[in-house]
Amino acid sequence: MFALAAHASEREAHAREVERSGADWPDGSYGRRNRQAIAARETRIATRLRAVEHACHTAIERDTAPTTPGHAMTLHPPGHAADMQTDLEAEP
């Protein structure tokens, strides 16, 4: 998960760097359009990586969340426990 976060951060930083360098080019020039396209692609990739990171984080939290005892136990009617006690006492 840390690798996903690091890779997304690198992509975001690269997108910012490319946008800054593209600002030096004249409006409508090939260089500026090219850098805008690169920055857009890097931003899309970073967004997808962040989504995967979020999904992994959510899955890990769900898997490690403590379960309440009420969900893990089966409830029996009150008389059932007494019946089990009587049955156990009857056995040798």
Protein backbone atom coordinates (compact mmCIF):
# COMPACT_ATOMS: atom_id res chain seq x y z
CA MET A 1 0.00 0.00 0.00
CA PHE A 2 2.92 2.33 0.71
CA ALA A 3 4.26 1.67 -2.78
CA LEU A 4 0.90 2.72 -4.27
CA ALA A 5 0.94 5.95 -2.28
CA ALA A 6 4.55 6.69 -3.24
CA HIS A 7 3.92 5.99 -6.91
CA ALA A 8 0.80 8.19 -6.91
CA SER A 9 2.76 11.00 -5.26
CA GLU A 10 5.49 10.72 -7.89
CA ARG A 11 2.91 10.89 -10.69
CA GLU A 12 1.24 13.94 -9.12
CA ALA A 13 4.60 15.68 -8.75
CA HIS A 14 5.49 14.88 -12.37
CA ALA A 15 2.15 16.29 -13.56
CA ARG A 16 2.81 19.54 -11.66
CA GLU A 17 6.33 19.77 -13.06
CA VAL A 18 5.15 19.22 -16.64
CA GLU A 19 2.38 21.81 -16.22
CA ARG A 20 4.92 24.37 -14.98
CA SER A 21 7.30 23.71 -17.85
CA GLY A 22 4.44 23.92 -20.36
CA ALA A 23 3.50 27.37 -19.10
CA ASP A 24 6.72 28.73 -20.67
CA TRP A 25 5.64 27.71 -24.18
CA PRO A 26 3.50 30.00 -26.36
CA ASP A 27 -0.27 29.44 -26.38
CA GLY A 28 -1.37 26.86 -28.95
CA SER A 29 2.15 25.60 -29.61
CA TYR A 30 2.87 21.90 -30.02
CA GLY A 31 5.13 21.92 -26.94
CA ARG A 32 2.45 23.41 -24.72
CA ARG A 33 -0.29 21.05 -26.01
CA ASN A 34 2.05 18.09 -25.60
CA ARG A 35 2.83 19.02 -22.00
CA GLN A 36 -0.85 19.53 -21.23
CA ALA A 37 -1.58 16.06 -22.61
CA ILE A 38 1.24 14.55 -20.54
CA ALA A 39 0.04 16.32 -17.39
CA ALA A 40 -3.53 15.14 -18.00
CA ARG A 41 -2.36 11.53 -18.45
CA GLU A 42 -0.21 11.66 -15.31
CA THR A 43 -3.14 13.10 -13.36
CA ARG A 44 -5.46 10.31 -14.56
CA ILE A 45 -2.92 7.67 -13.59
CA ALA A 46 -2.38 9.24 -10.16
CA THR A 47 -6.14 9.37 -9.61
CA ARG A 48 -6.46 5.66 -10.44
CA LEU A 49 -3.56 4.80 -8.15
CA ARG A 50 -5.17 6.77 -5.32
CA ALA A 51 -8.44 4.88 -5.93
CA VAL A 52 -6.62 1.54 -5.70
CA GLU A 53 -4.83 2.71 -2.56
CA HIS A 54 -8.17 3.72 -1.02
CA ALA A 55 -9.74 0.37 -1.95
CA CYS A 56 -6.83 -1.54 -0.40
CA HIS A 57 -7.01 0.57 2.74
CA THR A 58 -10.75 -0.03 3.02
CA ALA A 59 -10.33 -3.79 2.53
CA ILE A 60 -7.62 -3.96 5.18
CA GLU A 61 -9.73 -2.00 7.66
CA ARG A 62 -12.73 -4.24 6.98
CA ASP A 63 -10.66 -7.41 7.46
CA THR A 64 -9.09 -6.20 10.72
CA ALA A 65 -12.25 -4.68 12.21
CA PRO A 66 -13.16 -6.47 15.44
CA THR A 67 -16.37 -8.46 15.35
CA THR A 68 -18.81 -8.15 18.17
CA PRO A 69 -19.50 -11.33 20.15
CA GLY A 70 -23.19 -11.12 19.31
CA HIS A 71 -22.49 -11.73 15.62
CA ALA A 72 -20.22 -14.71 16.21
CA MET A 73 -22.42 -16.52 18.74
CA THR A 74 -25.63 -18.36 18.11
CA LEU A 75 -28.39 -17.43 20.50
CA HIS A 76 -30.33 -20.24 22.17
CA PRO A 77 -33.59 -20.03 24.08
CA PRO A 78 -33.11 -19.70 27.88
CA GLY A 79 -34.37 -23.23 28.57
CA HIS A 80 -31.84 -24.77 26.20
CA ALA A 81 -28.88 -24.13 28.52
CA ALA A 82 -30.70 -25.85 31.38
CA ASP A 83 -31.47 -28.84 29.14
CA MET A 84 -27.81 -29.16 28.20
CA GLN A 85 -26.84 -29.05 31.91
CA THR A 86 -29.32 -31.82 32.72
CA ASP A 87 -28.08 -33.95 29.82
CA LEU A 88 -24.48 -33.56 30.94
CA GLU A 89 -25.33 -34.54 34.51
CA ALA A 90 -27.17 -37.64 33.33
CA GLU A 91 -24.13 -39.03 31.54
CA PRO A 92 -21.68 -41.20 33.51
